[in-house]
Amino acid sequence: MTLNEAQQSLCQRAGAEFSPLPAGTRVAVARNLRSGDMPIYGVRYVTQPGGVGWFFWAGEGELSTDVDFFQALHVEHLEEWCPLVLPYLALPPGWRFLTDGEVDDVWFDQATLDRPIS
């Protein structure tokens, strides 16, 4: 199955519109995403021009409020940083996921649309 097919399948299973990211889109990743910590979380906000829509982090702890907790990178670098998130990338803004690589949970969260990221 290709990545595009996997993304389409996941969106269909979740009942979400297929909303792939354009090449060169920036995402925000927590530095702990490469550590192997599980589970992995992701949330997609409405993207402002030149902004970041997807945020990814790992681990059981609280989400840090440190200014440097997330770093921006282009979506193409996720294959190196954390290929496990790739099938989720076509979920539209307002969607979240949680996965450990074997089990996942995908859900819509209206609050993410009510709090746009600038």
PDB file of N, CA and C in Angstrom:
ATOM      1  N   MET A   1       0.842  -1.169   0.000  1.00  0.00           N
ATOM      2  CA  MET A   1       0.000   0.000   0.000  1.00  0.00           C
ATOM      3  C   MET A   1       0.897   1.245   0.000  1.00  0.00           C
ATOM      4  N   THR A   2       0.614   2.197  -0.859  1.00  0.00           N
ATOM      5  CA  THR A   2       1.384   3.433  -0.906  1.00  0.00           C
ATOM      6  C   THR A   2       1.014   4.325   0.279  1.00  0.00           C
ATOM      7  N   LEU A   3       1.829   5.330   0.531  1.00  0.00           N
ATOM      8  CA  LEU A   3       1.532   6.261   1.624  1.00  0.00           C
ATOM      9  C   LEU A   3       0.220   6.989   1.356  1.00  0.00           C
ATOM     10  N   ASN A   4      -0.004   7.406   0.124  1.00  0.00           N
ATOM     11  CA  ASN A   4      -1.245   8.090  -0.226  1.00  0.00           C
ATOM     12  C   ASN A   4      -2.450   7.199   0.043  1.00  0.00           C
ATOM     13  N   GLU A   5      -2.355   5.933  -0.312  1.00  0.00           N
ATOM     14  CA  GLU A   5      -3.449   4.983  -0.062  1.00  0.00           C
ATOM     15  C   GLU A   5      -3.659   4.776   1.433  1.00  0.00           C
ATOM     16  N   ALA A   6      -2.557   4.695   2.198  1.00  0.00           N
ATOM     17  CA  ALA A   6      -2.664   4.533   3.646  1.00  0.00           C
ATOM     18  C   ALA A   6      -3.335   5.750   4.277  1.00  0.00           C
ATOM     19  N   GLN A   7      -2.995   6.937   3.797  1.00  0.00           N
ATOM     20  CA  GLN A   7      -3.611   8.161   4.314  1.00  0.00           C
ATOM     21  C   GLN A   7      -5.092   8.203   3.970  1.00  0.00           C
ATOM     22  N   GLN A   8      -5.441   7.855   2.749  1.00  0.00           N
ATOM     23  CA  GLN A   8      -6.842   7.837   2.347  1.00  0.00           C
ATOM     24  C   GLN A   8      -7.631   6.824   3.171  1.00  0.00           C
ATOM     25  N   SER A   9      -7.059   5.656   3.395  1.00  0.00           N
ATOM     26  CA  SER A   9      -7.711   4.610   4.167  1.00  0.00           C
ATOM     27  C   SER A   9      -7.949   5.062   5.612  1.00  0.00           C
ATOM     28  N   LEU A  10      -6.943   5.696   6.209  1.00  0.00           N
ATOM     29  CA  LEU A  10      -7.088   6.158   7.576  1.00  0.00           C
ATOM     30  C   LEU A  10      -8.177   7.232   7.675  1.00  0.00           C
ATOM     31  N   CYS A  11      -8.208   8.154   6.740  1.00  0.00           N
ATOM     32  CA  CYS A  11      -9.249   9.196   6.744  1.00  0.00           C
ATOM     33  C   CYS A  11     -10.635   8.573   6.591  1.00  0.00           C
ATOM     34  N   GLN A  12     -10.741   7.602   5.701  1.00  0.00           N
ATOM     35  CA  GLN A  12     -12.032   6.939   5.497  1.00  0.00           C
ATOM     36  C   GLN A  12     -12.463   6.216   6.777  1.00  0.00           C
ATOM     37  N   ARG A  13     -11.535   5.510   7.407  1.00  0.00           N
ATOM     38  CA  ARG A  13     -11.851   4.784   8.649  1.00  0.00           C
ATOM     39  C   ARG A  13     -12.314   5.734   9.751  1.00  0.00           C
ATOM     40  N   ALA A  14     -11.698   6.926   9.797  1.00  0.00           N
ATOM     41  CA  ALA A  14     -12.045   7.903  10.833  1.00  0.00           C
ATOM     42  C   ALA A  14     -13.285   8.716  10.484  1.00  0.00           C
ATOM     43  N   GLY A  15     -13.708   8.642   9.222  1.00  0.00           N
ATOM     44  CA  GLY A  15     -14.831   9.465   8.785  1.00  0.00           C
ATOM     45  C   GLY A  15     -14.429  10.907   8.568  1.00  0.00           C
ATOM     46  N   ALA A  16     -13.165  11.116   8.217  1.00  0.00           N
ATOM     47  CA  ALA A  16     -12.617  12.457   8.014  1.00  0.00           C
ATOM     48  C   ALA A  16     -12.393  12.722   6.533  1.00  0.00           C
ATOM     49  N   GLU A  17     -12.482  13.981   6.164  1.00  0.00           N
ATOM     50  CA  GLU A  17     -12.173  14.395   4.801  1.00  0.00           C
ATOM     51  C   GLU A  17     -10.680  14.185   4.550  1.00  0.00           C
ATOM     52  N   PHE A  18     -10.320  13.719   3.364  1.00  0.00           N
ATOM     53  CA  PHE A  18      -8.927  13.553   2.974  1.00  0.00           C
ATOM     54  C   PHE A  18      -8.353  14.932   2.671  1.00  0.00           C
ATOM     55  N   SER A  19      -7.357  15.359   3.425  1.00  0.00           N
ATOM     56  CA  SER A  19      -6.816  16.714   3.321  1.00  0.00           C
ATOM     57  C   SER A  19      -5.285  16.664   3.359  1.00  0.00           C
ATOM     58  N   PRO A  20      -4.659  16.187   2.278  1.00  0.00           N
ATOM     59  CA  PRO A  20      -3.201  16.028   2.283  1.00  0.00           C
ATOM     60  C   PRO A  20      -2.456  17.352   2.390  1.00  0.00           C
ATOM     61  N   LEU A  21      -1.260  17.274   2.924  1.00  0.00           N
ATOM     62  CA  LEU A  21      -0.412  18.455   3.060  1.00  0.00           C
ATOM     63  C   LEU A  21       0.352  18.705   1.764  1.00  0.00           C
ATOM     64  N   PRO A  22       0.434  19.946   1.341  1.00  0.00           N
ATOM     65  CA  PRO A  22       1.277  20.261   0.177  1.00  0.00           C
ATOM     66  C   PRO A  22       2.752  20.065   0.533  1.00  0.00           C
ATOM     67  N   ALA A  23       3.555  19.736  -0.458  1.00  0.00           N
ATOM     68  CA  ALA A  23       4.999  19.614  -0.247  1.00  0.00           C
ATOM     69  C   ALA A  23       5.528  20.927   0.293  1.00  0.00           C
ATOM     70  N   GLY A  24       6.500  20.847   1.177  1.00  0.00           N
ATOM     71  CA  GLY A  24       7.116  22.030   1.740  1.00  0.00           C
ATOM     72  C   GLY A  24       6.386  22.610   2.934  1.00  0.00           C
ATOM     73  N   THR A  25       5.256  22.018   3.318  1.00  0.00           N
ATOM     74  CA  THR A  25       4.520  22.487   4.487  1.00  0.00           C
ATOM     75  C   THR A  25       5.377  22.300   5.731  1.00  0.00           C
ATOM     76  N   ARG A  26       5.292  23.251   6.636  1.00  0.00           N
ATOM     77  CA  ARG A  26       6.038  23.138   7.887  1.00  0.00           C
ATOM     78  C   ARG A  26       5.166  22.497   8.958  1.00  0.00           C
ATOM     79  N   VAL A  27       5.797  21.686   9.786  1.00  0.00           N
ATOM     80  CA  VAL A  27       5.153  21.047  10.925  1.00  0.00           C
ATOM     81  C   VAL A  27       6.010  21.351  12.156  1.00  0.00           C
ATOM     82  N   ALA A  28       5.441  21.147  13.331  1.00  0.00           N
ATOM     83  CA  ALA A  28       6.181  21.363  14.579  1.00  0.00           C
ATOM     84  C   ALA A  28       6.368  20.025  15.275  1.00  0.00           C
ATOM     85  N   VAL A  29       7.596  19.721  15.614  1.00  0.00           N
ATOM     86  CA  VAL A  29       7.897  18.451  16.277  1.00  0.00           C
ATOM     87  C   VAL A  29       8.602  18.721  17.598  1.00  0.00           C
ATOM     88  N   ALA A  30       8.231  17.956  18.595  1.00  0.00           N
ATOM     89  CA  ALA A  30       8.934  18.023  19.872  1.00  0.00           C
ATOM     90  C   ALA A  30      10.253  17.281  19.731  1.00  0.00           C
ATOM     91  N   ARG A  31      11.223  17.756  20.408  1.00  0.00           N
ATOM     92  CA  ARG A  31      12.555  17.118  20.322  1.00  0.00           C
ATOM     93  C   ARG A  31      12.510  15.667  20.783  1.00  0.00           C
ATOM     94  N   ASN A  32      11.545  15.319  21.648  1.00  0.00           N
ATOM     95  CA  ASN A  32      11.479  13.935  22.141  1.00  0.00           C
ATOM     96  C   ASN A  32      10.855  12.977  21.129  1.00  0.00           C
ATOM     97  N   LEU A  33      10.447  13.477  19.983  1.00  0.00           N
ATOM     98  CA  LEU A  33       9.825  12.603  18.982  1.00  0.00           C
ATOM     99  C   LEU A  33      10.801  11.555  18.464  1.00  0.00           C
ATOM    100  N   ARG A  34      12.076  11.866  18.476  1.00  0.00           N
ATOM    101  CA  ARG A  34      13.099  10.930  17.991  1.00  0.00           C
ATOM    102  C   ARG A  34      13.583   9.972  19.084  1.00  0.00           C
ATOM    103  N   SER A  35      13.121  10.143  20.299  1.00  0.00           N
ATOM    104  CA  SER A  35      13.656   9.386  21.431  1.00  0.00           C
ATOM    105  C   SER A  35      13.150   7.951  21.511  1.00  0.00           C
ATOM    106  N   GLY A  36      12.067   7.662  20.797  1.00  0.00           N
ATOM    107  CA  GLY A  36      11.465   6.342  20.908  1.00  0.00           C
ATOM    108  C   GLY A  36      10.396   6.277  21.983  1.00  0.00           C
ATOM    109  N   ASP A  37      10.161   7.394  22.679  1.00  0.00           N
ATOM    110  CA  ASP A  37       9.101   7.431  23.691  1.00  0.00           C
ATOM    111  C   ASP A  37       7.755   7.176  23.029  1.00  0.00           C
ATOM    112  N   MET A  38       6.883   6.519  23.744  1.00  0.00           N
ATOM    113  CA  MET A  38       5.531   6.252  23.263  1.00  0.00           C
ATOM    114  C   MET A  38       4.553   6.647  24.345  1.00  0.00           C
ATOM    115  N   PRO A  39       3.370   6.975  24.008  1.00  0.00           N
ATOM    116  CA  PRO A  39       2.795   7.037  22.660  1.00  0.00           C
ATOM    117  C   PRO A  39       3.177   8.337  21.959  1.00  0.00           C
ATOM    118  N   ILE A  40       2.793   8.425  20.697  1.00  0.00           N
ATOM    119  CA  ILE A  40       3.006   9.617  19.897  1.00  0.00           C
ATOM    120  C   ILE A  40       1.659  10.297  19.710  1.00  0.00           C
ATOM    121  N   TYR A  41       1.664  11.607  19.898  1.00  0.00           N
ATOM    122  CA  TYR A  41       0.464  12.427  19.764  1.00  0.00           C
ATOM    123  C   TYR A  41       0.618  13.355  18.569  1.00  0.00           C
ATOM    124  N   GLY A  42      -0.495  13.670  17.930  1.00  0.00           N
ATOM    125  CA  GLY A  42      -0.497  14.664  16.863  1.00  0.00           C
ATOM    126  C   GLY A  42      -1.808  15.416  16.863  1.00  0.00           C
ATOM    127  N   VAL A  43      -1.733  16.676  16.509  1.00  0.00           N
ATOM    128  CA  VAL A  43      -2.933  17.504  16.384  1.00  0.00           C
ATOM    129  C   VAL A  43      -2.715  18.466  15.221  1.00  0.00           C
ATOM    130  N   ARG A  44      -3.772  18.640  14.418  1.00  0.00           N
ATOM    131  CA  ARG A  44      -3.682  19.545  13.268  1.00  0.00           C
ATOM    132  C   ARG A  44      -4.597  20.745  13.489  1.00  0.00           C
ATOM    133  N   TYR A  45      -3.974  21.914  13.492  1.00  0.00           N
ATOM    134  CA  TYR A  45      -4.683  23.182  13.607  1.00  0.00           C
ATOM    135  C   TYR A  45      -4.877  23.786  12.213  1.00  0.00           C
ATOM    136  N   VAL A  46      -5.725  24.789  12.135  1.00  0.00           N
ATOM    137  CA  VAL A  46      -5.869  25.539  10.896  1.00  0.00           C
ATOM    138  C   VAL A  46      -4.537  26.236  10.646  1.00  0.00           C
ATOM    139  N   THR A  47      -4.031  26.129   9.441  1.00  0.00           N
ATOM    140  CA  THR A  47      -2.732  26.689   9.108  1.00  0.00           C
ATOM    141  C   THR A  47      -2.882  28.096   8.554  1.00  0.00           C
ATOM    142  N   GLN A  48      -2.155  29.008   9.138  1.00  0.00           N
ATOM    143  CA  GLN A  48      -2.070  30.365   8.606  1.00  0.00           C
ATOM    144  C   GLN A  48      -0.995  30.363   7.515  1.00  0.00           C
ATOM    145  N   PRO A  49      -1.050  31.289   6.562  1.00  0.00           N
ATOM    146  CA  PRO A  49      -0.020  31.331   5.514  1.00  0.00           C
ATOM    147  C   PRO A  49       1.383  31.355   6.116  1.00  0.00           C
ATOM    148  N   GLY A  50       2.186  30.394   5.715  1.00  0.00           N
ATOM    149  CA  GLY A  50       3.552  30.285   6.218  1.00  0.00           C
ATOM    150  C   GLY A  50       3.656  29.720   7.618  1.00  0.00           C
ATOM    151  N   GLY A  51       2.533  29.350   8.205  1.00  0.00           N
ATOM    152  CA  GLY A  51       2.523  28.853   9.572  1.00  0.00           C
ATOM    153  C   GLY A  51       2.649  27.345   9.657  1.00  0.00           C
ATOM    154  N   VAL A  52       2.459  26.858  10.854  1.00  0.00           N
ATOM    155  CA  VAL A  52       2.569  25.435  11.153  1.00  0.00           C
ATOM    156  C   VAL A  52       1.190  24.927  11.560  1.00  0.00           C
ATOM    157  N   GLY A  53       0.752  23.825  10.970  1.00  0.00           N
ATOM    158  CA  GLY A  53      -0.553  23.268  11.306  1.00  0.00           C
ATOM    159  C   GLY A  53      -0.474  22.031  12.181  1.00  0.00           C
ATOM    160  N   TRP A  54       0.422  21.110  11.847  1.00  0.00           N
ATOM    161  CA  TRP A  54       0.565  19.871  12.626  1.00  0.00           C
ATOM    162  C   TRP A  54       1.576  20.059  13.744  1.00  0.00           C
ATOM    163  N   PHE A  55       1.242  19.519  14.915  1.00  0.00           N
ATOM    164  CA  PHE A  55       2.155  19.467  16.054  1.00  0.00           C
ATOM    165  C   PHE A  55       2.251  18.012  16.496  1.00  0.00           C
ATOM    166  N   PHE A  56       3.475  17.525  16.748  1.00  0.00           N
ATOM    167  CA  PHE A  56       3.710  16.140  17.145  1.00  0.00           C
ATOM    168  C   PHE A  56       4.609  16.107  18.380  1.00  0.00           C
ATOM    169  N   TRP A  57       4.292  15.220  19.323  1.00  0.00           N
ATOM    170  CA  TRP A  57       5.124  15.016  20.504  1.00  0.00           C
ATOM    171  C   TRP A  57       4.958  13.581  20.979  1.00  0.00           C
ATOM    172  N   ALA A  58       5.810  13.167  21.907  1.00  0.00           N
ATOM    173  CA  ALA A  58       5.809  11.775  22.366  1.00  0.00           C
ATOM    174  C   ALA A  58       5.894  11.713  23.881  1.00  0.00           C
ATOM    175  N   GLY A  59       5.497  10.566  24.415  1.00  0.00           N
ATOM    176  CA  GLY A  59       5.648  10.301  25.832  1.00  0.00           C
ATOM    177  C   GLY A  59       4.368  10.460  26.620  1.00  0.00           C
ATOM    178  N   GLU A  60       4.413   9.986  27.858  1.00  0.00           N
ATOM    179  CA  GLU A  60       3.244   9.992  28.734  1.00  0.00           C
ATOM    180  C   GLU A  60       3.092  11.275  29.533  1.00  0.00           C
ATOM    181  N   GLY A  61       4.137  12.072  29.589  1.00  0.00           N
ATOM    182  CA  GLY A  61       4.104  13.262  30.440  1.00  0.00           C
ATOM    183  C   GLY A  61       3.264  14.392  29.879  1.00  0.00           C
ATOM    184  N   GLU A  62       3.190  15.448  30.656  1.00  0.00           N
ATOM    185  CA  GLU A  62       2.466  16.650  30.257  1.00  0.00           C
ATOM    186  C   GLU A  62       3.178  17.304  29.080  1.00  0.00           C
ATOM    187  N   LEU A  63       2.410  17.976  28.272  1.00  0.00           N
ATOM    188  CA  LEU A  63       2.958  18.732  27.151  1.00  0.00           C
ATOM    189  C   LEU A  63       3.689  19.946  27.714  1.00  0.00           C
ATOM    190  N   SER A  64       4.942  20.109  27.375  1.00  0.00           N
ATOM    191  CA  SER A  64       5.762  21.186  27.915  1.00  0.00           C
ATOM    192  C   SER A  64       5.328  22.542  27.364  1.00  0.00           C
ATOM    193  N   THR A  65       5.476  23.562  28.179  1.00  0.00           N
ATOM    194  CA  THR A  65       5.202  24.931  27.745  1.00  0.00           C
ATOM    195  C   THR A  65       6.499  25.677  27.439  1.00  0.00           C
ATOM    196  N   ASP A  66       7.638  24.991  27.486  1.00  0.00           N
ATOM    197  CA  ASP A  66       8.916  25.622  27.154  1.00  0.00           C
ATOM    198  C   ASP A  66       8.881  26.149  25.724  1.00  0.00           C
ATOM    199  N   VAL A  67       9.424  27.332  25.537  1.00  0.00           N
ATOM    200  CA  VAL A  67       9.429  27.982  24.229  1.00  0.00           C
ATOM    201  C   VAL A  67      10.116  27.111  23.174  1.00  0.00           C
ATOM    202  N   ASP A  68      11.135  26.378  23.554  1.00  0.00           N
ATOM    203  CA  ASP A  68      11.874  25.575  22.578  1.00  0.00           C
ATOM    204  C   ASP A  68      11.463  24.100  22.572  1.00  0.00           C
ATOM    205  N   PHE A  69      10.301  23.775  23.138  1.00  0.00           N
ATOM    206  CA  PHE A  69       9.841  22.377  23.154  1.00  0.00           C
ATOM    207  C   PHE A  69       9.603  21.865  21.736  1.00  0.00           C
ATOM    208  N   PHE A  70       9.003  22.703  20.891  1.00  0.00           N
ATOM    209  CA  PHE A  70       8.760  22.333  19.493  1.00  0.00           C
ATOM    210  C   PHE A  70       9.752  23.039  18.587  1.00  0.00           C
ATOM    211  N   GLN A  71      10.085  22.372  17.507  1.00  0.00           N
ATOM    212  CA  GLN A  71      10.868  23.017  16.462  1.00  0.00           C
ATOM    213  C   GLN A  71      10.155  22.783  15.140  1.00  0.00           C
ATOM    214  N   ALA A  72      10.221  23.763  14.273  1.00  0.00           N
ATOM    215  CA  ALA A  72       9.563  23.659  12.968  1.00  0.00           C
ATOM    216  C   ALA A  72      10.499  22.979  11.979  1.00  0.00           C
ATOM    217  N   LEU A  73       9.916  22.135  11.144  1.00  0.00           N
ATOM    218  CA  LEU A  73      10.652  21.530  10.039  1.00  0.00           C
ATOM    219  C   LEU A  73       9.672  21.234   8.914  1.00  0.00           C
ATOM    220  N   HIS A  74      10.211  20.977   7.751  1.00  0.00           N
ATOM    221  CA  HIS A  74       9.350  20.670   6.610  1.00  0.00           C
ATOM    222  C   HIS A  74       8.838  19.235   6.710  1.00  0.00           C
ATOM    223  N   VAL A  75       7.632  19.057   6.226  1.00  0.00           N
ATOM    224  CA  VAL A  75       6.958  17.767   6.309  1.00  0.00           C
ATOM    225  C   VAL A  75       7.820  16.637   5.728  1.00  0.00           C
ATOM    226  N   GLU A  76       8.624  16.948   4.733  1.00  0.00           N
ATOM    227  CA  GLU A  76       9.471  15.925   4.116  1.00  0.00           C
ATOM    228  C   GLU A  76      10.472  15.316   5.090  1.00  0.00           C
ATOM    229  N   HIS A  77      10.794  16.021   6.181  1.00  0.00           N
ATOM    230  CA  HIS A  77      11.761  15.513   7.161  1.00  0.00           C
ATOM    231  C   HIS A  77      11.134  14.541   8.161  1.00  0.00           C
ATOM    232  N   LEU A  78       9.811  14.418   8.138  1.00  0.00           N
ATOM    233  CA  LEU A  78       9.165  13.497   9.085  1.00  0.00           C
ATOM    234  C   LEU A  78       9.538  12.041   8.839  1.00  0.00           C
ATOM    235  N   GLU A  79       9.860  11.705   7.615  1.00  0.00           N
ATOM    236  CA  GLU A  79      10.259  10.319   7.349  1.00  0.00           C
ATOM    237  C   GLU A  79      11.494   9.951   8.162  1.00  0.00           C
ATOM    238  N   GLU A  80      12.382  10.907   8.355  1.00  0.00           N
ATOM    239  CA  GLU A  80      13.573  10.688   9.173  1.00  0.00           C
ATOM    240  C   GLU A  80      13.260  10.829  10.663  1.00  0.00           C
ATOM    241  N   TRP A  81      12.475  11.835  11.024  1.00  0.00           N
ATOM    242  CA  TRP A  81      12.174  12.119  12.424  1.00  0.00           C
ATOM    243  C   TRP A  81      11.253  11.092  13.049  1.00  0.00           C
ATOM    244  N   CYS A  82      10.166  10.745  12.340  1.00  0.00           N
ATOM    245  CA  CYS A  82       9.184   9.830  12.913  1.00  0.00           C
ATOM    246  C   CYS A  82       8.224   9.335  11.826  1.00  0.00           C
ATOM    247  N   PRO A  83       8.621   8.327  11.069  1.00  0.00           N
ATOM    248  CA  PRO A  83       7.770   7.849   9.985  1.00  0.00           C
ATOM    249  C   PRO A  83       6.412   7.328  10.453  1.00  0.00           C
ATOM    250  N   LEU A  84       6.279   7.032  11.727  1.00  0.00           N
ATOM    251  CA  LEU A  84       5.025   6.525  12.276  1.00  0.00           C
ATOM    252  C   LEU A  84       3.872   7.518  12.106  1.00  0.00           C
ATOM    253  N   VAL A  85       4.167   8.817  12.006  1.00  0.00           N
ATOM    254  CA  VAL A  85       3.103   9.819  11.881  1.00  0.00           C
ATOM    255  C   VAL A  85       2.633  10.009  10.440  1.00  0.00           C
ATOM    256  N   LEU A  86       3.356   9.513   9.467  1.00  0.00           N
ATOM    257  CA  LEU A  86       3.044   9.783   8.058  1.00  0.00           C
ATOM    258  C   LEU A  86       1.624   9.405   7.638  1.00  0.00           C
ATOM    259  N   PRO A  87       1.072   8.275   8.053  1.00  0.00           N
ATOM    260  CA  PRO A  87      -0.290   7.948   7.622  1.00  0.00           C
ATOM    261  C   PRO A  87      -1.359   8.912   8.126  1.00  0.00           C
ATOM    262  N   TYR A  88      -1.064   9.694   9.156  1.00  0.00           N
ATOM    263  CA  TYR A  88      -2.050  10.587   9.759  1.00  0.00           C
ATOM    264  C   TYR A  88      -2.066  11.977   9.115  1.00  0.00           C
ATOM    265  N   LEU A  89      -1.085  12.285   8.297  1.00  0.00           N
ATOM    266  CA  LEU A  89      -0.888  13.644   7.802  1.00  0.00           C
ATOM    267  C   LEU A  89      -2.032  14.196   6.964  1.00  0.00           C
ATOM    268  N   ALA A  90      -2.870  13.371   6.398  1.00  0.00           N
ATOM    269  CA  ALA A  90      -3.962  13.862   5.555  1.00  0.00           C
ATOM    270  C   ALA A  90      -5.251  14.109   6.345  1.00  0.00           C
ATOM    271  N   LEU A  91      -5.215  13.883   7.662  1.00  0.00           N
ATOM    272  CA  LEU A  91      -6.374  14.256   8.474  1.00  0.00           C
ATOM    273  C   LEU A  91      -6.508  15.776   8.434  1.00  0.00           C
ATOM    274  N   PRO A  92      -7.718  16.304   8.325  1.00  0.00           N
ATOM    275  CA  PRO A  92      -7.892  17.759   8.217  1.00  0.00           C
ATOM    276  C   PRO A  92      -7.722  18.472   9.560  1.00  0.00           C
ATOM    277  N   PRO A  93      -7.635  19.807   9.528  1.00  0.00           N
ATOM    278  CA  PRO A  93      -7.569  20.564  10.776  1.00  0.00           C
ATOM    279  C   PRO A  93      -8.737  20.187  11.687  1.00  0.00           C
ATOM    280  N   GLY A  94      -8.434  20.150  12.978  1.00  0.00           N
ATOM    281  CA  GLY A  94      -9.427  19.762  13.977  1.00  0.00           C
ATOM    282  C   GLY A  94      -9.294  18.313  14.411  1.00  0.00           C
ATOM    283  N   TRP A  95      -8.422  17.568  13.776  1.00  0.00           N
ATOM    284  CA  TRP A  95      -8.267  16.142  14.101  1.00  0.00           C
ATOM    285  C   TRP A  95      -7.014  15.916  14.915  1.00  0.00           C
ATOM    286  N   ARG A  96      -7.098  14.903  15.756  1.00  0.00           N
ATOM    287  CA  ARG A  96      -5.994  14.469  16.625  1.00  0.00           C
ATOM    288  C   ARG A  96      -5.787  12.966  16.471  1.00  0.00           C
ATOM    289  N   PHE A  97      -4.611  12.525  16.873  1.00  0.00           N
ATOM    290  CA  PHE A  97      -4.377  11.088  16.951  1.00  0.00           C
ATOM    291  C   PHE A  97      -3.414  10.791  18.085  1.00  0.00           C
ATOM    292  N   LEU A  98      -3.429   9.550  18.483  1.00  0.00           N
ATOM    293  CA  LEU A  98      -2.554   8.993  19.508  1.00  0.00           C
ATOM    294  C   LEU A  98      -2.224   7.593  19.028  1.00  0.00           C
ATOM    295  N   THR A  99      -0.938   7.247  18.982  1.00  0.00           N
ATOM    296  CA  THR A  99      -0.559   5.903  18.537  1.00  0.00           C
ATOM    297  C   THR A  99       0.703   5.429  19.248  1.00  0.00           C
ATOM    298  N   ASP A 100       0.793   4.124  19.363  1.00  0.00           N
ATOM    299  CA  ASP A 100       2.027   3.511  19.853  1.00  0.00           C
ATOM    300  C   ASP A 100       2.635   2.627  18.767  1.00  0.00           C
ATOM    301  N   GLY A 101       2.094   2.722  17.557  1.00  0.00           N
ATOM    302  CA  GLY A 101       2.593   1.937  16.445  1.00  0.00           C
ATOM    303  C   GLY A 101       1.786   0.681  16.189  1.00  0.00           C
ATOM    304  N   GLU A 102       1.070   0.220  17.196  1.00  0.00           N
ATOM    305  CA  GLU A 102       0.226  -0.962  17.040  1.00  0.00           C
ATOM    306  C   GLU A 102      -1.245  -0.599  17.166  1.00  0.00           C
ATOM    307  N   VAL A 103      -1.551   0.238  18.123  1.00  0.00           N
ATOM    308  CA  VAL A 103      -2.920   0.668  18.378  1.00  0.00           C
ATOM    309  C   VAL A 103      -2.962   2.178  18.192  1.00  0.00           C
ATOM    310  N   ASP A 104      -4.056   2.649  17.588  1.00  0.00           N
ATOM    311  CA  ASP A 104      -4.185   4.095  17.470  1.00  0.00           C
ATOM    312  C   ASP A 104      -5.594   4.538  17.820  1.00  0.00           C
ATOM    313  N   ASP A 105      -5.701   5.813  18.108  1.00  0.00           N
ATOM    314  CA  ASP A 105      -6.980   6.453  18.365  1.00  0.00           C
ATOM    315  C   ASP A 105      -6.967   7.737  17.553  1.00  0.00           C
ATOM    316  N   VAL A 106      -8.030   7.967  16.795  1.00  0.00           N
ATOM    317  CA  VAL A 106      -8.144   9.134  15.932  1.00  0.00           C
ATOM    318  C   VAL A 106      -9.485   9.776  16.239  1.00  0.00           C
ATOM    319  N   TRP A 107      -9.487  11.102  16.506  1.00  0.00           N
ATOM    320  CA  TRP A 107     -10.748  11.753  16.840  1.00  0.00           C
ATOM    321  C   TRP A 107     -10.720  13.222  16.428  1.00  0.00           C
ATOM    322  N   PHE A 108     -11.931  13.763  16.251  1.00  0.00           N
ATOM    323  CA  PHE A 108     -12.115  15.173  15.945  1.00  0.00           C
ATOM    324  C   PHE A 108     -12.223  15.941  17.245  1.00  0.00           C
ATOM    325  N   ASP A 109     -11.589  17.121  17.302  1.00  0.00           N
ATOM    326  CA  ASP A 109     -11.598  17.964  18.502  1.00  0.00           C
ATOM    327  C   ASP A 109     -11.929  19.393  18.088  1.00  0.00           C
ATOM    328  N   GLN A 110     -13.172  19.775  18.260  1.00  0.00           N
ATOM    329  CA  GLN A 110     -13.622  21.117  17.865  1.00  0.00           C
ATOM    330  C   GLN A 110     -12.781  22.219  18.485  1.00  0.00           C
ATOM    331  N   ALA A 111     -12.271  21.988  19.680  1.00  0.00           N
ATOM    332  CA  ALA A 111     -11.487  23.009  20.379  1.00  0.00           C
ATOM    333  C   ALA A 111     -10.263  23.440  19.567  1.00  0.00           C
ATOM    334  N   THR A 112      -9.703  22.552  18.765  1.00  0.00           N
ATOM    335  CA  THR A 112      -8.531  22.938  17.969  1.00  0.00           C
ATOM    336  C   THR A 112      -8.916  23.923  16.873  1.00  0.00           C
ATOM    337  N   LEU A 113     -10.160  23.878  16.420  1.00  0.00           N
ATOM    338  CA  LEU A 113     -10.615  24.843  15.428  1.00  0.00           C
ATOM    339  C   LEU A 113     -10.991  26.163  16.077  1.00  0.00           C
ATOM    340  N   ASP A 114     -11.379  26.110  17.338  1.00  0.00           N
ATOM    341  CA  ASP A 114     -11.744  27.313  18.073  1.00  0.00           C
ATOM    342  C   ASP A 114     -10.537  28.103  18.577  1.00  0.00           C
ATOM    343  N   ARG A 115      -9.353  27.466  18.548  1.00  0.00           N
ATOM    344  CA  ARG A 115      -8.113  28.112  18.991  1.00  0.00           C
ATOM    345  C   ARG A 115      -7.087  28.074  17.873  1.00  0.00           C
ATOM    346  N   PRO A 116      -7.250  28.895  16.841  1.00  0.00           N
ATOM    347  CA  PRO A 116      -6.276  28.852  15.744  1.00  0.00           C
ATOM    348  C   PRO A 116      -4.883  29.252  16.211  1.00  0.00           C
ATOM    349  N   ILE A 117      -3.901  28.671  15.592  1.00  0.00           N
ATOM    350  CA  ILE A 117      -2.494  28.970  15.888  1.00  0.00           C
ATOM    351  C   ILE A 117      -2.075  30.100  14.965  1.00  0.00           C
ATOM    352  N   SER A 118      -1.415  31.093  15.511  1.00  0.00           N
ATOM    353  CA  SER A 118      -0.969  32.206  14.667  1.00  0.00           C
ATOM    354  C   SER A 118       0.487  32.056  14.301  1.00  0.00           C
TER     355      SER A 118
END
